[in-house]
């Protein structure tokens, strides 16, 4: 459980820090509030680490370990308990890690499994196409790059791993959006900013494109995020058939011509199917 706690701490830090203002973005009072938030996050994560180390602890012990007043420790524990990250023994009143940690740890493990299973397939696809191959997942309102393999033609390719890109202006993003229900789609795509003259900027056009993605089984984006960049992506599915990730081939538009795309797309679809099989989807013949 200690290993899971470390992964959970990283997930919580990344998620909570996204809501913290950058230096100079607010007035002094705002900076002070941000500092307080960061301190609270740090203390909450410290509580998880204490419970992972000791198994269980009371409020007094936790407060002493953190060097805070018991009332502060209690408020932090109450917040963690509300999110099921800690739970209290009803008889002894001591705290231990809660079942909510299993959900977070499971999500982290699932991403690691995805990268591990997809890596050899990505290498093969990059070798076959000569272009950069990426794996992405949806992170609420953006696509997050989990892995990247550069092909022989991708000299000094930019490393996108760990970076977020817009959903509506990329092939990966359109794949990740393609099977969302209307309510989910509206939450995922709140704005449609223009990046180039080819960017989709209306919901009606996006909805039409997503229908086309579902029909043909892949998404294509030419000069939509950056002028001169072409990418094509296909869905990766889990054992239940849900789209959980996307795999893409990308490169300069002058190199990924219509003829080269015609050759790359079947290879991409086969790679997406192979990764999906590795994750338990479908049956092999």
C-alpha atoms as a PDB file:
ATOM      1  CA  UNK A   1       0.000   0.000   0.000  1.00  0.00           C
ATOM      2  CA  UNK A   2       2.973   2.323   0.528  1.00  0.00           C
ATOM      3  CA  UNK A   3       3.767   2.199  -3.191  1.00  0.00           C
ATOM      4  CA  UNK A   4       0.142   2.998  -4.004  1.00  0.00           C
ATOM      5  CA  UNK A   5       0.246   5.918  -1.580  1.00  0.00           C
ATOM      6  CA  UNK A   6       3.228   7.391  -3.404  1.00  0.00           C
ATOM      7  CA  UNK A   7       1.398   7.120  -6.719  1.00  0.00           C
ATOM      8  CA  UNK A   8      -1.719   8.611  -5.160  1.00  0.00           C
ATOM      9  CA  UNK A   9       0.299  11.497  -3.737  1.00  0.00           C
ATOM     10  CA  UNK A  10       1.661  12.271  -7.192  1.00  0.00           C
ATOM     11  CA  UNK A  11      -1.838  12.148  -8.701  1.00  0.00           C
ATOM     12  CA  UNK A  12      -3.263  14.420  -5.998  1.00  0.00           C
ATOM     13  CA  UNK A  13      -0.387  16.880  -6.250  1.00  0.00           C
ATOM     14  CA  UNK A  14      -0.759  17.144 -10.028  1.00  0.00           C
ATOM     15  CA  UNK A  15      -4.527  17.572  -9.865  1.00  0.00           C
ATOM     16  CA  UNK A  16      -4.611  20.054  -7.020  1.00  0.00           C
ATOM     17  CA  UNK A  17      -1.678  22.113  -8.268  1.00  0.00           C
ATOM     18  CA  UNK A  18      -3.576  22.667 -11.517  1.00  0.00           C
ATOM     19  CA  UNK A  19      -5.973  24.853  -9.553  1.00  0.00           C
ATOM     20  CA  UNK A  20      -3.248  26.900  -7.881  1.00  0.00           C
ATOM     21  CA  UNK A  21      -2.474  30.294  -9.375  1.00  0.00           C
ATOM     22  CA  UNK A  22       0.861  30.964 -10.989  1.00  0.00           C
ATOM     23  CA  UNK A  23       3.114  33.648  -9.488  1.00  0.00           C
ATOM     24  CA  UNK A  24       1.988  37.157 -10.326  1.00  0.00           C
ATOM     25  CA  UNK A  25      -1.418  36.058 -11.585  1.00  0.00           C
ATOM     26  CA  UNK A  26      -3.319  37.473  -8.618  1.00  0.00           C
ATOM     27  CA  UNK A  27      -3.008  40.187  -6.032  1.00  0.00           C
ATOM     28  CA  UNK A  28      -1.063  39.646  -2.823  1.00  0.00           C
ATOM     29  CA  UNK A  29      -4.169  38.386  -1.057  1.00  0.00           C
ATOM     30  CA  UNK A  30      -4.664  35.797  -3.780  1.00  0.00           C
ATOM     31  CA  UNK A  31      -1.066  34.654  -3.435  1.00  0.00           C
ATOM     32  CA  UNK A  32      -1.572  34.274   0.300  1.00  0.00           C
ATOM     33  CA  UNK A  33      -4.637  32.124  -0.283  1.00  0.00           C
ATOM     34  CA  UNK A  34      -2.710  30.011  -2.785  1.00  0.00           C
ATOM     35  CA  UNK A  35       0.048  29.521  -0.236  1.00  0.00           C
ATOM     36  CA  UNK A  36      -2.511  28.339   2.301  1.00  0.00           C
ATOM     37  CA  UNK A  37      -3.988  25.906  -0.200  1.00  0.00           C
ATOM     38  CA  UNK A  38      -0.590  24.449  -1.030  1.00  0.00           C
ATOM     39  CA  UNK A  39       0.166  24.012   2.671  1.00  0.00           C
ATOM     40  CA  UNK A  40      -3.151  22.210   3.199  1.00  0.00           C
ATOM     41  CA  UNK A  41      -2.481  19.922   0.252  1.00  0.00           C
ATOM     42  CA  UNK A  42       0.985  19.152   1.600  1.00  0.00           C
ATOM     43  CA  UNK A  43      -0.419  18.309   5.034  1.00  0.00           C
ATOM     44  CA  UNK A  44      -3.181  16.141   3.560  1.00  0.00           C
ATOM     45  CA  UNK A  45      -0.647  14.167   1.544  1.00  0.00           C
ATOM     46  CA  UNK A  46       1.512  13.836   4.661  1.00  0.00           C
ATOM     47  CA  UNK A  47      -1.452  12.251   6.452  1.00  0.00           C
ATOM     48  CA  UNK A  48      -1.779   9.646   3.702  1.00  0.00           C
ATOM     49  CA  UNK A  49       1.931   8.905   3.967  1.00  0.00           C
ATOM     50  CA  UNK A  50       1.696   8.557   7.767  1.00  0.00           C
ATOM     51  CA  UNK A  51      -1.198   6.103   7.475  1.00  0.00           C
ATOM     52  CA  UNK A  52       0.578   4.168   4.710  1.00  0.00           C
ATOM     53  CA  UNK A  53       3.613   3.895   6.988  1.00  0.00           C
ATOM     54  CA  UNK A  54       1.909   3.130  10.294  1.00  0.00           C
ATOM     55  CA  UNK A  55      -1.259   1.371   9.165  1.00  0.00           C
ATOM     56  CA  UNK A  56      -3.476   3.443  11.458  1.00  0.00           C
ATOM     57  CA  UNK A  57      -3.194   6.442  13.780  1.00  0.00           C
ATOM     58  CA  UNK A  58      -5.304   8.669  16.003  1.00  0.00           C
ATOM     59  CA  UNK A  59      -5.876  12.395  15.614  1.00  0.00           C
ATOM     60  CA  UNK A  60      -3.389  13.201  18.388  1.00  0.00           C
ATOM     61  CA  UNK A  61      -0.643  11.120  16.772  1.00  0.00           C
ATOM     62  CA  UNK A  62      -1.275  12.616  13.343  1.00  0.00           C
ATOM     63  CA  UNK A  63      -1.282  16.159  14.713  1.00  0.00           C
ATOM     64  CA  UNK A  64       2.029  15.510  16.462  1.00  0.00           C
ATOM     65  CA  UNK A  65       3.552  13.992  13.347  1.00  0.00           C
ATOM     66  CA  UNK A  66       2.514  17.008  11.260  1.00  0.00           C
ATOM     67  CA  UNK A  67       3.322  19.547  13.960  1.00  0.00           C
ATOM     68  CA  UNK A  68      -0.178  21.065  13.878  1.00  0.00           C
ATOM     69  CA  UNK A  69      -3.028  21.588  16.323  1.00  0.00           C
ATOM     70  CA  UNK A  70      -5.478  18.697  16.768  1.00  0.00           C
ATOM     71  CA  UNK A  71      -8.305  20.787  15.317  1.00  0.00           C
ATOM     72  CA  UNK A  72      -6.296  21.315  12.111  1.00  0.00           C
ATOM     73  CA  UNK A  73      -5.549  17.597  11.849  1.00  0.00           C
ATOM     74  CA  UNK A  74      -9.212  16.797  12.421  1.00  0.00           C
ATOM     75  CA  UNK A  75     -10.364  19.162   9.651  1.00  0.00           C
ATOM     76  CA  UNK A  76      -7.889  17.624   7.209  1.00  0.00           C
ATOM     77  CA  UNK A  77      -8.981  14.112   8.175  1.00  0.00           C
ATOM     78  CA  UNK A  78     -12.638  15.062   7.765  1.00  0.00           C
ATOM     79  CA  UNK A  79     -11.944  16.295   4.218  1.00  0.00           C
ATOM     80  CA  UNK A  80      -9.997  13.159   3.323  1.00  0.00           C
ATOM     81  CA  UNK A  81     -12.759  11.024   4.852  1.00  0.00           C
ATOM     82  CA  UNK A  82     -15.377  12.808   2.729  1.00  0.00           C
ATOM     83  CA  UNK A  83     -13.422  11.686  -0.345  1.00  0.00           C
ATOM     84  CA  UNK A  84     -13.057   8.162   1.125  1.00  0.00           C
ATOM     85  CA  UNK A  85      -9.273   8.508   1.190  1.00  0.00           C
ATOM     86  CA  UNK A  86      -9.254   7.745   4.909  1.00  0.00           C
ATOM     87  CA  UNK A  87     -11.733   5.897   7.099  1.00  0.00           C
ATOM     88  CA  UNK A  88     -12.252   5.740  10.837  1.00  0.00           C
ATOM     89  CA  UNK A  89     -12.501   2.687  13.035  1.00  0.00           C
ATOM     90  CA  UNK A  90     -15.878   3.166  14.682  1.00  0.00           C
ATOM     91  CA  UNK A  91     -14.858   1.520  17.938  1.00  0.00           C
ATOM     92  CA  UNK A  92     -11.383   2.942  18.530  1.00  0.00           C
ATOM     93  CA  UNK A  93     -11.661   6.182  16.582  1.00  0.00           C
ATOM     94  CA  UNK A  94      -8.364   5.613  14.800  1.00  0.00           C
ATOM     95  CA  UNK A  95      -7.873   6.350  11.115  1.00  0.00           C
ATOM     96  CA  UNK A  96      -6.570   4.205   8.277  1.00  0.00           C
ATOM     97  CA  UNK A  97      -6.344   4.507   4.492  1.00  0.00           C
ATOM     98  CA  UNK A  98      -9.760   4.353   2.848  1.00  0.00           C
ATOM     99  CA  UNK A  99     -11.085   2.514  -0.182  1.00  0.00           C
ATOM    100  CA  UNK A 100     -10.913   5.690  -2.276  1.00  0.00           C
ATOM    101  CA  UNK A 101      -7.175   5.071  -2.556  1.00  0.00           C
ATOM    102  CA  UNK A 102      -7.872   1.856  -4.450  1.00  0.00           C
ATOM    103  CA  UNK A 103      -9.727   3.824  -7.125  1.00  0.00           C
ATOM    104  CA  UNK A 104      -6.823   6.252  -7.548  1.00  0.00           C
ATOM    105  CA  UNK A 105      -4.228   3.501  -7.450  1.00  0.00           C
ATOM    106  CA  UNK A 106      -6.257   1.507  -9.962  1.00  0.00           C
ATOM    107  CA  UNK A 107      -6.389   4.460 -12.350  1.00  0.00           C
ATOM    108  CA  UNK A 108      -2.625   4.904 -12.079  1.00  0.00           C
ATOM    109  CA  UNK A 109      -2.018   1.189 -12.610  1.00  0.00           C
ATOM    110  CA  UNK A 110      -4.334   1.185 -15.633  1.00  0.00           C
ATOM    111  CA  UNK A 111      -2.283   3.942 -17.266  1.00  0.00           C
ATOM    112  CA  UNK A 112       0.957   2.116 -16.560  1.00  0.00           C
ATOM    113  CA  UNK A 113      -0.534  -1.081 -18.030  1.00  0.00           C
ATOM    114  CA  UNK A 114      -1.639   0.833 -21.127  1.00  0.00           C
ATOM    115  CA  UNK A 115       1.843   2.243 -21.756  1.00  0.00           C
ATOM    116  CA  UNK A 116       3.481  -1.115 -21.109  1.00  0.00           C
ATOM    117  CA  UNK A 117       1.176  -3.001 -23.458  1.00  0.00           C
ATOM    118  CA  UNK A 118       1.239  -0.329 -26.163  1.00  0.00           C
ATOM    119  CA  UNK A 119       4.978   0.361 -26.248  1.00  0.00           C
ATOM    120  CA  UNK A 120       6.071  -2.546 -28.515  1.00  0.00           C
ATOM    121  CA  UNK A 121       3.133  -1.881 -30.847  1.00  0.00           C
ATOM    122  CA  UNK A 122       4.041   1.815 -31.015  1.00  0.00           C
ATOM    123  CA  UNK A 123       7.639   0.959 -31.851  1.00  0.00           C
ATOM    124  CA  UNK A 124       6.518  -1.294 -34.671  1.00  0.00           C
ATOM    125  CA  UNK A 125       4.119   1.329 -36.045  1.00  0.00           C
ATOM    126  CA  UNK A 126       6.782   4.053 -35.868  1.00  0.00           C
ATOM    127  CA  UNK A 127       9.170   1.756 -37.734  1.00  0.00           C
ATOM    128  CA  UNK A 128       6.582   0.960 -40.412  1.00  0.00           C
ATOM    129  CA  UNK A 129       5.499   4.563 -41.003  1.00  0.00           C
ATOM    130  CA  UNK A 130       8.715   6.412 -40.193  1.00  0.00           C
ATOM    131  CA  UNK A 131       6.630   8.950 -38.254  1.00  0.00           C
ATOM    132  CA  UNK A 132       6.006   9.803 -34.601  1.00  0.00           C
ATOM    133  CA  UNK A 133       3.519   7.608 -32.749  1.00  0.00           C
ATOM    134  CA  UNK A 134       1.719   8.851 -29.639  1.00  0.00           C
ATOM    135  CA  UNK A 135      -0.603   7.422 -26.991  1.00  0.00           C
ATOM    136  CA  UNK A 136      -3.059   9.812 -25.306  1.00  0.00           C
ATOM    137  CA  UNK A 137      -5.900   9.661 -22.797  1.00  0.00           C
ATOM    138  CA  UNK A 138      -8.582  12.201 -21.958  1.00  0.00           C
ATOM    139  CA  UNK A 139      -7.930  14.364 -18.893  1.00  0.00           C
ATOM    140  CA  UNK A 140     -11.334  16.042 -18.549  1.00  0.00           C
ATOM    141  CA  UNK A 141     -11.116  18.950 -21.030  1.00  0.00           C
ATOM    142  CA  UNK A 142      -7.839  18.058 -22.744  1.00  0.00           C
ATOM    143  CA  UNK A 143      -5.867  15.141 -24.133  1.00  0.00           C
ATOM    144  CA  UNK A 144      -2.833  14.010 -22.139  1.00  0.00           C
ATOM    145  CA  UNK A 145       0.150  12.411 -23.845  1.00  0.00           C
ATOM    146  CA  UNK A 146       1.232   9.237 -22.033  1.00  0.00           C
ATOM    147  CA  UNK A 147       3.866   7.901 -24.405  1.00  0.00           C
ATOM    148  CA  UNK A 148       5.674   8.715 -27.633  1.00  0.00           C
ATOM    149  CA  UNK A 149       7.895   6.830 -30.032  1.00  0.00           C
ATOM    150  CA  UNK A 150       9.701   8.706 -32.800  1.00  0.00           C
ATOM    151  CA  UNK A 151      10.042   7.178 -36.240  1.00  0.00           C
ATOM    152  CA  UNK A 152      13.089   7.340 -38.500  1.00  0.00           C
ATOM    153  CA  UNK A 153      11.776  10.421 -40.325  1.00  0.00           C
ATOM    154  CA  UNK A 154      11.025  12.356 -37.123  1.00  0.00           C
ATOM    155  CA  UNK A 155      14.351  14.091 -36.611  1.00  0.00           C
ATOM    156  CA  UNK A 156      14.519  15.941 -33.255  1.00  0.00           C
ATOM    157  CA  UNK A 157      10.835  15.347 -32.653  1.00  0.00           C
ATOM    158  CA  UNK A 158       9.265  17.403 -29.876  1.00  0.00           C
ATOM    159  CA  UNK A 159       8.604  15.310 -26.767  1.00  0.00           C
ATOM    160  CA  UNK A 160       4.902  15.620 -25.966  1.00  0.00           C
ATOM    161  CA  UNK A 161       4.803  13.151 -23.035  1.00  0.00           C
ATOM    162  CA  UNK A 162       3.091  14.704 -20.028  1.00  0.00           C
ATOM    163  CA  UNK A 163       1.697  17.610 -22.049  1.00  0.00           C
ATOM    164  CA  UNK A 164      -1.949  18.479 -22.647  1.00  0.00           C
ATOM    165  CA  UNK A 165      -3.474  19.362 -26.019  1.00  0.00           C
ATOM    166  CA  UNK A 166      -6.968  20.570 -26.993  1.00  0.00           C
ATOM    167  CA  UNK A 167      -9.548  17.926 -27.795  1.00  0.00           C
ATOM    168  CA  UNK A 168     -11.370  19.660 -30.638  1.00  0.00           C
ATOM    169  CA  UNK A 169      -8.300  20.534 -32.728  1.00  0.00           C
ATOM    170  CA  UNK A 170      -6.441  17.207 -32.757  1.00  0.00           C
ATOM    171  CA  UNK A 171      -6.974  13.726 -34.156  1.00  0.00           C
ATOM    172  CA  UNK A 172      -6.292  12.186 -30.751  1.00  0.00           C
ATOM    173  CA  UNK A 173      -8.797  14.494 -29.124  1.00  0.00           C
ATOM    174  CA  UNK A 174     -11.525  13.725 -31.624  1.00  0.00           C
ATOM    175  CA  UNK A 175     -11.077   9.998 -31.067  1.00  0.00           C
ATOM    176  CA  UNK A 176     -11.347  10.491 -27.306  1.00  0.00           C
ATOM    177  CA  UNK A 177     -14.521  12.549 -27.787  1.00  0.00           C
ATOM    178  CA  UNK A 178     -16.086  10.352 -30.440  1.00  0.00           C
ATOM    179  CA  UNK A 179     -18.193   8.094 -28.209  1.00  0.00           C
ATOM    180  CA  UNK A 180     -19.111  10.483 -25.416  1.00  0.00           C
ATOM    181  CA  UNK A 181     -22.775  11.148 -24.718  1.00  0.00           C
ATOM    182  CA  UNK A 182     -24.086  14.682 -25.339  1.00  0.00           C
ATOM    183  CA  UNK A 183     -23.841  15.734 -21.678  1.00  0.00           C
ATOM    184  CA  UNK A 184     -20.299  14.372 -21.396  1.00  0.00           C
ATOM    185  CA  UNK A 185     -19.295  16.084 -24.626  1.00  0.00           C
ATOM    186  CA  UNK A 186     -20.516  19.468 -23.395  1.00  0.00           C
ATOM    187  CA  UNK A 187     -18.492  19.072 -20.193  1.00  0.00           C
ATOM    188  CA  UNK A 188     -15.379  17.998 -22.084  1.00  0.00           C
ATOM    189  CA  UNK A 189     -15.577  20.748 -24.731  1.00  0.00           C
ATOM    190  CA  UNK A 190     -16.511  24.025 -23.068  1.00  0.00           C
ATOM    191  CA  UNK A 191     -14.763  26.263 -25.590  1.00  0.00           C
ATOM    192  CA  UNK A 192     -13.536  25.841 -29.156  1.00  0.00           C
ATOM    193  CA  UNK A 193     -10.649  28.299 -29.600  1.00  0.00           C
ATOM    194  CA  UNK A 194      -9.194  28.810 -33.071  1.00  0.00           C
ATOM    195  CA  UNK A 195      -5.554  27.784 -33.598  1.00  0.00           C
ATOM    196  CA  UNK A 196      -5.412  27.924 -37.397  1.00  0.00           C
ATOM    197  CA  UNK A 197      -7.776  28.604 -40.282  1.00  0.00           C
ATOM    198  CA  UNK A 198      -8.606  24.887 -40.296  1.00  0.00           C
ATOM    199  CA  UNK A 199      -9.604  24.579 -36.622  1.00  0.00           C
ATOM    200  CA  UNK A 200     -13.163  23.459 -35.902  1.00  0.00           C
ATOM    201  CA  UNK A 201     -14.774  26.291 -33.945  1.00  0.00           C
ATOM    202  CA  UNK A 202     -18.480  25.387 -33.826  1.00  0.00           C
ATOM    203  CA  UNK A 203     -20.108  22.593 -31.848  1.00  0.00           C
ATOM    204  CA  UNK A 204     -22.341  21.604 -34.744  1.00  0.00           C
ATOM    205  CA  UNK A 205     -19.354  20.996 -37.000  1.00  0.00           C
ATOM    206  CA  UNK A 206     -17.518  19.138 -34.248  1.00  0.00           C
ATOM    207  CA  UNK A 207     -20.514  16.867 -33.648  1.00  0.00           C
ATOM    208  CA  UNK A 208     -20.670  16.129 -37.377  1.00  0.00           C
ATOM    209  CA  UNK A 209     -16.946  15.294 -37.445  1.00  0.00           C
ATOM    210  CA  UNK A 210     -17.275  12.994 -34.433  1.00  0.00           C
ATOM    211  CA  UNK A 211     -20.060  11.101 -36.202  1.00  0.00           C
ATOM    212  CA  UNK A 212     -17.696  10.663 -39.157  1.00  0.00           C
ATOM    213  CA  UNK A 213     -14.953   9.429 -36.799  1.00  0.00           C
ATOM    214  CA  UNK A 214     -17.294   6.782 -35.398  1.00  0.00           C
ATOM    215  CA  UNK A 215     -18.278   5.723 -38.905  1.00  0.00           C
ATOM    216  CA  UNK A 216     -14.795   5.376 -40.381  1.00  0.00           C
ATOM    217  CA  UNK A 217     -13.006   4.282 -37.203  1.00  0.00           C
ATOM    218  CA  UNK A 218     -10.313   6.956 -37.121  1.00  0.00           C
ATOM    219  CA  UNK A 219      -9.848  10.743 -36.943  1.00  0.00           C
ATOM    220  CA  UNK A 220      -7.773  12.958 -39.202  1.00  0.00           C
ATOM    221  CA  UNK A 221      -6.512  16.464 -38.408  1.00  0.00           C
ATOM    222  CA  UNK A 222      -4.662  18.444 -41.060  1.00  0.00           C
ATOM    223  CA  UNK A 223      -3.267  21.863 -40.091  1.00  0.00           C
ATOM    224  CA  UNK A 224      -5.859  22.182 -37.280  1.00  0.00           C
ATOM    225  CA  UNK A 225      -3.615  22.607 -34.255  1.00  0.00           C
ATOM    226  CA  UNK A 226      -0.546  23.866 -36.106  1.00  0.00           C
ATOM    227  CA  UNK A 227      -0.169  24.836 -39.744  1.00  0.00           C
ATOM    228  CA  UNK A 228       1.971  22.181 -41.373  1.00  0.00           C
ATOM    229  CA  UNK A 229       1.089  19.393 -38.918  1.00  0.00           C
ATOM    230  CA  UNK A 230      -0.948  16.341 -39.922  1.00  0.00           C
ATOM    231  CA  UNK A 231      -2.047  13.551 -37.600  1.00  0.00           C
ATOM    232  CA  UNK A 232      -4.341  10.553 -37.791  1.00  0.00           C
ATOM    233  CA  UNK A 233      -5.561   8.670 -34.698  1.00  0.00           C
ATOM    234  CA  UNK A 234      -7.533   5.530 -33.870  1.00  0.00           C
ATOM    235  CA  UNK A 235      -9.267   4.372 -30.672  1.00  0.00           C
ATOM    236  CA  UNK A 236      -7.856   1.983 -28.099  1.00  0.00           C
ATOM    237  CA  UNK A 237     -10.560   0.066 -26.229  1.00  0.00           C
ATOM    238  CA  UNK A 238     -10.663  -1.759 -22.911  1.00  0.00           C
ATOM    239  CA  UNK A 239     -12.157  -5.176 -22.206  1.00  0.00           C
ATOM    240  CA  UNK A 240     -15.655  -3.647 -22.175  1.00  0.00           C
ATOM    241  CA  UNK A 241     -15.201  -1.990 -25.568  1.00  0.00           C
ATOM    242  CA  UNK A 242     -14.979   1.544 -24.171  1.00  0.00           C
ATOM    243  CA  UNK A 243     -12.609   4.048 -25.792  1.00  0.00           C
ATOM    244  CA  UNK A 244      -9.998   4.629 -23.094  1.00  0.00           C
ATOM    245  CA  UNK A 245      -7.122   6.016 -25.165  1.00  0.00           C
ATOM    246  CA  UNK A 246      -5.996   6.877 -28.666  1.00  0.00           C
ATOM    247  CA  UNK A 247      -2.966   6.032 -30.750  1.00  0.00           C
ATOM    248  CA  UNK A 248      -1.803   8.396 -33.465  1.00  0.00           C
ATOM    249  CA  UNK A 249       0.689   8.846 -36.275  1.00  0.00           C
ATOM    250  CA  UNK A 250       1.795  12.445 -36.823  1.00  0.00           C
ATOM    251  CA  UNK A 251       4.252  14.365 -38.933  1.00  0.00           C
ATOM    252  CA  UNK A 252       4.726  17.331 -41.244  1.00  0.00           C
ATOM    253  CA  UNK A 253       1.898  17.832 -43.712  1.00  0.00           C
ATOM    254  CA  UNK A 254       4.350  17.977 -46.617  1.00  0.00           C
ATOM    255  CA  UNK A 255       5.466  14.438 -45.736  1.00  0.00           C
ATOM    256  CA  UNK A 256       2.155  12.909 -44.675  1.00  0.00           C
ATOM    257  CA  UNK A 257       0.549  13.337 -48.067  1.00  0.00           C
ATOM    258  CA  UNK A 258      -2.707  11.657 -49.110  1.00  0.00           C
ATOM    259  CA  UNK A 259      -0.792   8.696 -50.555  1.00  0.00           C
ATOM    260  CA  UNK A 260       1.251   8.188 -47.395  1.00  0.00           C
ATOM    261  CA  UNK A 261      -1.869   8.505 -45.245  1.00  0.00           C
ATOM    262  CA  UNK A 262      -3.543   5.823 -47.354  1.00  0.00           C
ATOM    263  CA  UNK A 263      -0.674   3.511 -46.483  1.00  0.00           C
ATOM    264  CA  UNK A 264      -0.412   4.587 -42.827  1.00  0.00           C
ATOM    265  CA  UNK A 265      -4.090   4.349 -41.846  1.00  0.00           C
ATOM    266  CA  UNK A 266      -4.444   0.546 -42.219  1.00  0.00           C
ATOM    267  CA  UNK A 267      -1.250   0.120 -40.190  1.00  0.00           C
ATOM    268  CA  UNK A 268      -2.612   2.484 -37.531  1.00  0.00           C
ATOM    269  CA  UNK A 269      -5.950   0.651 -37.319  1.00  0.00           C
ATOM    270  CA  UNK A 270      -4.159  -2.676 -36.964  1.00  0.00           C
ATOM    271  CA  UNK A 271      -1.968  -1.253 -34.200  1.00  0.00           C
ATOM    272  CA  UNK A 272      -4.971   0.161 -32.326  1.00  0.00           C
ATOM    273  CA  UNK A 273      -6.704  -3.202 -32.578  1.00  0.00           C
ATOM    274  CA  UNK A 274      -3.608  -5.013 -31.310  1.00  0.00           C
ATOM    275  CA  UNK A 275      -3.285  -2.770 -28.245  1.00  0.00           C
ATOM    276  CA  UNK A 276      -7.016  -3.181 -27.576  1.00  0.00           C
ATOM    277  CA  UNK A 277      -6.629  -6.977 -27.751  1.00  0.00           C
ATOM    278  CA  UNK A 278      -3.724  -6.762 -25.311  1.00  0.00           C
ATOM    279  CA  UNK A 279      -6.023  -4.897 -22.918  1.00  0.00           C
ATOM    280  CA  UNK A 280      -8.672  -7.601 -23.182  1.00  0.00           C
ATOM    281  CA  UNK A 281     -11.026  -6.323 -25.882  1.00  0.00           C
ATOM    282  CA  UNK A 282     -12.498  -8.637 -28.486  1.00  0.00           C
ATOM    283  CA  UNK A 283     -11.581 -12.158 -29.374  1.00  0.00           C
ATOM    284  CA  UNK A 284      -8.686 -13.313 -31.473  1.00  0.00           C
ATOM    285  CA  UNK A 285      -9.567 -15.527 -34.397  1.00  0.00           C
END
